[in-house]
Amino acid sequence: MNKPIPTPRACYLLKNKAYAYCTCNNSKDKPYCDGTHKGTEQKPLLFKVPENEKAFLCTCGSTKNAPYCDGSH
């Protein structure tokens, strides 16, 4: 059986709003952190954008440019 190909999530990010990107890859709200990592050494990647923007955020955890998808999947 073939695995589904992960797809990035299109997001509209707001200027200067704080976001928490999931780095544990277990969040039910990928690409955003939902606290699933609690009790581990994992921490979310906190970020802001300088201007409102539409972005494709990684949901597979393979990107080298987190939180943005770089096509690594």
PDB file of N, CA and C in Angstrom:
ATOM      1  N   MET A   1       0.846  -1.178   0.000  1.00  0.00           N
ATOM      2  CA  MET A   1       0.000   0.000   0.000  1.00  0.00           C
ATOM      3  C   MET A   1       0.892   1.242   0.000  1.00  0.00           C
ATOM      4  N   ASN A   2       0.583   2.194  -0.838  1.00  0.00           N
ATOM      5  CA  ASN A   2       1.371   3.424  -0.941  1.00  0.00           C
ATOM      6  C   ASN A   2       1.036   4.386   0.181  1.00  0.00           C
ATOM      7  N   LYS A   3       2.089   5.042   0.694  1.00  0.00           N
ATOM      8  CA  LYS A   3       1.882   6.083   1.698  1.00  0.00           C
ATOM      9  C   LYS A   3       1.400   7.341   1.001  1.00  0.00           C
ATOM     10  N   PRO A   4       0.505   8.104   1.620  1.00  0.00           N
ATOM     11  CA  PRO A   4       0.105   9.378   1.012  1.00  0.00           C
ATOM     12  C   PRO A   4       1.292  10.336   0.995  1.00  0.00           C
ATOM     13  N   ILE A   5       1.390  11.126  -0.060  1.00  0.00           N
ATOM     14  CA  ILE A   5       2.458  12.116  -0.167  1.00  0.00           C
ATOM     15  C   ILE A   5       2.092  13.301   0.719  1.00  0.00           C
ATOM     16  N   PRO A   6       2.994  13.670   1.645  1.00  0.00           N
ATOM     17  CA  PRO A   6       2.702  14.824   2.503  1.00  0.00           C
ATOM     18  C   PRO A   6       2.581  16.095   1.667  1.00  0.00           C
ATOM     19  N   THR A   7       1.690  16.947   2.071  1.00  0.00           N
ATOM     20  CA  THR A   7       1.551  18.220   1.371  1.00  0.00           C
ATOM     21  C   THR A   7       1.717  19.361   2.365  1.00  0.00           C
ATOM     22  N   PRO A   8       2.315  20.457   1.910  1.00  0.00           N
ATOM     23  CA  PRO A   8       2.445  21.609   2.795  1.00  0.00           C
ATOM     24  C   PRO A   8       1.064  22.217   3.056  1.00  0.00           C
ATOM     25  N   ARG A   9       0.965  22.976   4.104  1.00  0.00           N
ATOM     26  CA  ARG A   9      -0.300  23.637   4.441  1.00  0.00           C
ATOM     27  C   ARG A   9      -0.199  25.105   4.058  1.00  0.00           C
ATOM     28  N   ALA A  10      -1.121  25.546   3.219  1.00  0.00           N
ATOM     29  CA  ALA A  10      -1.181  26.958   2.838  1.00  0.00           C
ATOM     30  C   ALA A  10      -1.742  27.738   4.021  1.00  0.00           C
ATOM     31  N   CYS A  11      -1.010  28.760   4.445  1.00  0.00           N
ATOM     32  CA  CYS A  11      -1.393  29.550   5.616  1.00  0.00           C
ATOM     33  C   CYS A  11      -1.277  31.031   5.298  1.00  0.00           C
ATOM     34  N   TYR A  12      -2.170  31.813   5.852  1.00  0.00           N
ATOM     35  CA  TYR A  12      -2.054  33.262   5.763  1.00  0.00           C
ATOM     36  C   TYR A  12      -1.510  33.726   7.100  1.00  0.00           C
ATOM     37  N   LEU A  13      -0.267  34.194   7.100  1.00  0.00           N
ATOM     38  CA  LEU A  13       0.413  34.603   8.326  1.00  0.00           C
ATOM     39  C   LEU A  13       0.288  36.107   8.509  1.00  0.00           C
ATOM     40  N   LEU A  14       0.000  36.513   9.723  1.00  0.00           N
ATOM     41  CA  LEU A  14      -0.210  37.926  10.031  1.00  0.00           C
ATOM     42  C   LEU A  14       1.049  38.578  10.580  1.00  0.00           C
ATOM     43  N   LYS A  15       1.294  39.783  10.115  1.00  0.00           N
ATOM     44  CA  LYS A  15       2.454  40.575  10.533  1.00  0.00           C
ATOM     45  C   LYS A  15       2.558  40.632  12.056  1.00  0.00           C
ATOM     46  N   ASN A  16       3.745  40.312  12.560  1.00  0.00           N
ATOM     47  CA  ASN A  16       4.107  40.408  13.983  1.00  0.00           C
ATOM     48  C   ASN A  16       3.320  39.502  14.929  1.00  0.00           C
ATOM     49  N   LYS A  17       2.486  38.615  14.410  1.00  0.00           N
ATOM     50  CA  LYS A  17       1.800  37.648  15.271  1.00  0.00           C
ATOM     51  C   LYS A  17       2.789  36.529  15.611  1.00  0.00           C
ATOM     52  N   ALA A  18       2.783  36.068  16.848  1.00  0.00           N
ATOM     53  CA  ALA A  18       3.667  34.974  17.265  1.00  0.00           C
ATOM     54  C   ALA A  18       3.044  33.631  16.873  1.00  0.00           C
ATOM     55  N   TYR A  19       3.835  32.795  16.212  1.00  0.00           N
ATOM     56  CA  TYR A  19       3.419  31.452  15.809  1.00  0.00           C
ATOM     57  C   TYR A  19       4.352  30.434  16.441  1.00  0.00           C
ATOM     58  N   ALA A  20       3.830  29.243  16.709  1.00  0.00           N
ATOM     59  CA  ALA A  20       4.632  28.142  17.243  1.00  0.00           C
ATOM     60  C   ALA A  20       4.527  26.980  16.255  1.00  0.00           C
ATOM     61  N   TYR A  21       5.628  26.708  15.557  1.00  0.00           N
ATOM     62  CA  TYR A  21       5.694  25.649  14.547  1.00  0.00           C
ATOM     63  C   TYR A  21       6.090  24.336  15.227  1.00  0.00           C
ATOM     64  N   CYS A  22       5.369  23.273  14.942  1.00  0.00           N
ATOM     65  CA  CYS A  22       5.624  21.960  15.532  1.00  0.00           C
ATOM     66  C   CYS A  22       6.944  21.381  15.028  1.00  0.00           C
ATOM     67  N   THR A  23       7.814  20.968  15.947  1.00  0.00           N
ATOM     68  CA  THR A  23       9.064  20.302  15.567  1.00  0.00           C
ATOM     69  C   THR A  23       9.084  18.839  16.003  1.00  0.00           C
ATOM     70  N   CYS A  24       8.093  18.404  16.791  1.00  0.00           N
ATOM     71  CA  CYS A  24       8.075  17.007  17.242  1.00  0.00           C
ATOM     72  C   CYS A  24       7.386  16.101  16.222  1.00  0.00           C
ATOM     73  N   ASN A  25       6.672  16.691  15.285  1.00  0.00           N
ATOM     74  CA  ASN A  25       5.963  15.981  14.216  1.00  0.00           C
ATOM     75  C   ASN A  25       4.782  15.149  14.729  1.00  0.00           C
ATOM     76  N   ASN A  26       4.285  15.445  15.915  1.00  0.00           N
ATOM     77  CA  ASN A  26       3.152  14.700  16.469  1.00  0.00           C
ATOM     78  C   ASN A  26       1.901  15.544  16.680  1.00  0.00           C
ATOM     79  N   SER A  27       1.963  16.813  16.369  1.00  0.00           N
ATOM     80  CA  SER A  27       0.824  17.702  16.564  1.00  0.00           C
ATOM     81  C   SER A  27      -0.365  17.259  15.718  1.00  0.00           C
ATOM     82  N   LYS A  28      -1.536  17.373  16.268  1.00  0.00           N
ATOM     83  CA  LYS A  28      -2.772  17.096  15.509  1.00  0.00           C
ATOM     84  C   LYS A  28      -3.177  18.317  14.692  1.00  0.00           C
ATOM     85  N   ASP A  29      -2.485  19.433  14.895  1.00  0.00           N
ATOM     86  CA  ASP A  29      -2.787  20.692  14.207  1.00  0.00           C
ATOM     87  C   ASP A  29      -1.593  21.151  13.365  1.00  0.00           C
ATOM     88  N   LYS A  30      -0.889  20.201  12.738  1.00  0.00           N
ATOM     89  CA  LYS A  30       0.285  20.556  11.933  1.00  0.00           C
ATOM     90  C   LYS A  30      -0.085  21.626  10.927  1.00  0.00           C
ATOM     91  N   PRO A  31       0.749  22.578  10.719  1.00  0.00           N
ATOM     92  CA  PRO A  31       2.130  22.711  11.145  1.00  0.00           C
ATOM     93  C   PRO A  31       2.295  23.390  12.501  1.00  0.00           C
ATOM     94  N   TYR A  32       1.189  23.707  13.157  1.00  0.00           N
ATOM     95  CA  TYR A  32       1.270  24.443  14.417  1.00  0.00           C
ATOM     96  C   TYR A  32       1.411  23.497  15.606  1.00  0.00           C
ATOM     97  N   CYS A  33       2.110  23.956  16.619  1.00  0.00           N
ATOM     98  CA  CYS A  33       2.301  23.197  17.849  1.00  0.00           C
ATOM     99  C   CYS A  33       0.987  23.142  18.627  1.00  0.00           C
ATOM    100  N   ASP A  34       0.650  21.954  19.131  1.00  0.00           N
ATOM    101  CA  ASP A  34      -0.529  21.818  19.994  1.00  0.00           C
ATOM    102  C   ASP A  34      -0.150  21.352  21.401  1.00  0.00           C
ATOM    103  N   GLY A  35       1.160  21.357  21.705  1.00  0.00           N
ATOM    104  CA  GLY A  35       1.623  20.973  23.032  1.00  0.00           C
ATOM    105  C   GLY A  35       1.891  19.491  23.207  1.00  0.00           C
ATOM    106  N   THR A  36       1.747  18.696  22.147  1.00  0.00           N
ATOM    107  CA  THR A  36       1.967  17.256  22.230  1.00  0.00           C
ATOM    108  C   THR A  36       3.360  16.909  22.744  1.00  0.00           C
ATOM    109  N   HIS A  37       4.315  17.779  22.508  1.00  0.00           N
ATOM    110  CA  HIS A  37       5.708  17.525  22.902  1.00  0.00           C
ATOM    111  C   HIS A  37       5.934  17.605  24.407  1.00  0.00           C
ATOM    112  N   LYS A  38       4.985  18.106  25.157  1.00  0.00           N
ATOM    113  CA  LYS A  38       5.190  18.298  26.607  1.00  0.00           C
ATOM    114  C   LYS A  38       5.672  16.996  27.252  1.00  0.00           C
ATOM    115  N   GLY A  39       6.659  17.117  28.125  1.00  0.00           N
ATOM    116  CA  GLY A  39       7.244  15.947  28.768  1.00  0.00           C
ATOM    117  C   GLY A  39       8.434  15.390  28.010  1.00  0.00           C
ATOM    118  N   THR A  40       8.766  16.006  26.866  1.00  0.00           N
ATOM    119  CA  THR A  40       9.939  15.609  26.085  1.00  0.00           C
ATOM    120  C   THR A  40      10.888  16.799  26.031  1.00  0.00           C
ATOM    121  N   GLU A  41      12.011  16.607  25.380  1.00  0.00           N
ATOM    122  CA  GLU A  41      12.963  17.709  25.221  1.00  0.00           C
ATOM    123  C   GLU A  41      12.663  18.560  23.988  1.00  0.00           C
ATOM    124  N   GLN A  42      11.684  18.169  23.191  1.00  0.00           N
ATOM    125  CA  GLN A  42      11.311  18.920  21.992  1.00  0.00           C
ATOM    126  C   GLN A  42      10.706  20.259  22.375  1.00  0.00           C
ATOM    127  N   LYS A  43      10.931  21.241  21.539  1.00  0.00           N
ATOM    128  CA  LYS A  43      10.346  22.572  21.727  1.00  0.00           C
ATOM    129  C   LYS A  43       9.866  23.064  20.365  1.00  0.00           C
ATOM    130  N   PRO A  44       8.777  23.833  20.324  1.00  0.00           N
ATOM    131  CA  PRO A  44       8.329  24.386  19.046  1.00  0.00           C
ATOM    132  C   PRO A  44       9.287  25.469  18.563  1.00  0.00           C
ATOM    133  N   LEU A  45       9.266  25.714  17.271  1.00  0.00           N
ATOM    134  CA  LEU A  45      10.008  26.826  16.679  1.00  0.00           C
ATOM    135  C   LEU A  45       9.084  28.034  16.721  1.00  0.00           C
ATOM    136  N   LEU A  46       9.465  29.042  17.478  1.00  0.00           N
ATOM    137  CA  LEU A  46       8.660  30.262  17.574  1.00  0.00           C
ATOM    138  C   LEU A  46       9.098  31.216  16.477  1.00  0.00           C
ATOM    139  N   PHE A  47       8.131  31.810  15.768  1.00  0.00           N
ATOM    140  CA  PHE A  47       8.484  32.731  14.690  1.00  0.00           C
ATOM    141  C   PHE A  47       7.404  33.774  14.476  1.00  0.00           C
ATOM    142  N   LYS A  48       7.806  34.866  13.834  1.00  0.00           N
ATOM    143  CA  LYS A  48       6.920  35.951  13.394  1.00  0.00           C
ATOM    144  C   LYS A  48       7.331  36.310  11.979  1.00  0.00           C
ATOM    145  N   VAL A  49       6.413  36.913  11.240  1.00  0.00           N
ATOM    146  CA  VAL A  49       6.742  37.410   9.904  1.00  0.00           C
ATOM    147  C   VAL A  49       6.649  38.936   9.919  1.00  0.00           C
ATOM    148  N   PRO A  50       7.533  39.615   9.164  1.00  0.00           N
ATOM    149  CA  PRO A  50       7.555  41.075   9.188  1.00  0.00           C
ATOM    150  C   PRO A  50       6.399  41.728   8.431  1.00  0.00           C
ATOM    151  N   GLU A  51       5.768  40.982   7.538  1.00  0.00           N
ATOM    152  CA  GLU A  51       4.632  41.482   6.746  1.00  0.00           C
ATOM    153  C   GLU A  51       3.601  40.364   6.631  1.00  0.00           C
ATOM    154  N   ASN A  52       2.329  40.714   6.425  1.00  0.00           N
ATOM    155  CA  ASN A  52       1.319  39.698   6.148  1.00  0.00           C
ATOM    156  C   ASN A  52       1.770  38.920   4.921  1.00  0.00           C
ATOM    157  N   GLU A  53       1.630  37.605   4.970  1.00  0.00           N
ATOM    158  CA  GLU A  53       2.039  36.807   3.813  1.00  0.00           C
ATOM    159  C   GLU A  53       1.297  35.488   3.760  1.00  0.00           C
ATOM    160  N   LYS A  54       1.130  34.981   2.533  1.00  0.00           N
ATOM    161  CA  LYS A  54       0.638  33.630   2.338  1.00  0.00           C
ATOM    162  C   LYS A  54       1.881  32.761   2.220  1.00  0.00           C
ATOM    163  N   ALA A  55       1.914  31.668   2.966  1.00  0.00           N
ATOM    164  CA  ALA A  55       3.089  30.803   2.963  1.00  0.00           C
ATOM    165  C   ALA A  55       2.644  29.347   2.976  1.00  0.00           C
ATOM    166  N   PHE A  56       3.526  28.491   2.504  1.00  0.00           N
ATOM    167  CA  PHE A  56       3.298  27.055   2.551  1.00  0.00           C
ATOM    168  C   PHE A  56       4.207  26.495   3.632  1.00  0.00           C
ATOM    169  N   LEU A  57       3.602  26.058   4.737  1.00  0.00           N
ATOM    170  CA  LEU A  57       4.363  25.565   5.872  1.00  0.00           C
ATOM    171  C   LEU A  57       4.482  24.045   5.807  1.00  0.00           C
ATOM    172  N   CYS A  58       5.645  23.553   6.202  1.00  0.00           N
ATOM    173  CA  CYS A  58       5.959  22.129   6.160  1.00  0.00           C
ATOM    174  C   CYS A  58       5.091  21.354   7.145  1.00  0.00           C
ATOM    175  N   THR A  59       4.572  20.214   6.707  1.00  0.00           N
ATOM    176  CA  THR A  59       3.826  19.328   7.598  1.00  0.00           C
ATOM    177  C   THR A  59       4.468  17.951   7.702  1.00  0.00           C
ATOM    178  N   CYS A  60       5.547  17.701   6.927  1.00  0.00           N
ATOM    179  CA  CYS A  60       6.170  16.373   6.948  1.00  0.00           C
ATOM    180  C   CYS A  60       7.379  16.301   7.870  1.00  0.00           C
ATOM    181  N   GLY A  61       7.947  17.448   8.243  1.00  0.00           N
ATOM    182  CA  GLY A  61       9.099  17.469   9.135  1.00  0.00           C
ATOM    183  C   GLY A  61      10.437  17.299   8.452  1.00  0.00           C
ATOM    184  N   SER A  62      10.473  17.266   7.116  1.00  0.00           N
ATOM    185  CA  SER A  62      11.731  17.047   6.393  1.00  0.00           C
ATOM    186  C   SER A  62      12.405  18.323   5.914  1.00  0.00           C
ATOM    187  N   THR A  63      11.728  19.449   6.005  1.00  0.00           N
ATOM    188  CA  THR A  63      12.279  20.694   5.477  1.00  0.00           C
ATOM    189  C   THR A  63      13.585  21.091   6.159  1.00  0.00           C
ATOM    190  N   LYS A  64      14.449  21.716   5.408  1.00  0.00           N
ATOM    191  CA  LYS A  64      15.685  22.297   5.952  1.00  0.00           C
ATOM    192  C   LYS A  64      15.495  23.797   6.161  1.00  0.00           C
ATOM    193  N   ASN A  65      14.281  24.298   5.879  1.00  0.00           N
ATOM    194  CA  ASN A  65      13.979  25.726   5.954  1.00  0.00           C
ATOM    195  C   ASN A  65      12.732  25.972   6.814  1.00  0.00           C
ATOM    196  N   ALA A  66      12.666  25.314   7.961  1.00  0.00           N
ATOM    197  CA  ALA A  66      11.484  25.422   8.828  1.00  0.00           C
ATOM    198  C   ALA A  66      11.223  26.877   9.204  1.00  0.00           C
ATOM    199  N   PRO A  67       9.970  27.262   9.204  1.00  0.00           N
ATOM    200  CA  PRO A  67       8.764  26.462   9.109  1.00  0.00           C
ATOM    201  C   PRO A  67       8.265  26.256   7.676  1.00  0.00           C
ATOM    202  N   TYR A  68       8.992  26.779   6.709  1.00  0.00           N
ATOM    203  CA  TYR A  68       8.522  26.762   5.326  1.00  0.00           C
ATOM    204  C   TYR A  68       8.826  25.437   4.633  1.00  0.00           C
ATOM    205  N   CYS A  69       7.917  25.005   3.770  1.00  0.00           N
ATOM    206  CA  CYS A  69       8.138  23.814   2.961  1.00  0.00           C
ATOM    207  C   CYS A  69       9.229  24.107   1.936  1.00  0.00           C
ATOM    208  N   ASP A  70      10.181  23.183   1.796  1.00  0.00           N
ATOM    209  CA  ASP A  70      11.218  23.327   0.772  1.00  0.00           C
ATOM    210  C   ASP A  70      11.146  22.206  -0.269  1.00  0.00           C
ATOM    211  N   GLY A  71      10.068  21.423  -0.235  1.00  0.00           N
ATOM    212  CA  GLY A  71       9.886  20.354  -1.210  1.00  0.00           C
ATOM    213  C   GLY A  71      10.626  19.070  -0.862  1.00  0.00           C
ATOM    214  N   SER A  72      11.194  18.966   0.315  1.00  0.00           N
ATOM    215  CA  SER A  72      11.966  17.776   0.710  1.00  0.00           C
ATOM    216  C   SER A  72      11.142  16.496   0.736  1.00  0.00           C
ATOM    217  N   HIS A  73       9.830  16.621   0.932  1.00  0.00           N
ATOM    218  CA  HIS A  73       8.988  15.431   1.032  1.00  0.00           C
ATOM    219  C   HIS A  73       9.047  14.642  -0.259  1.00  0.00           C
TER     220      HIS A  73
END
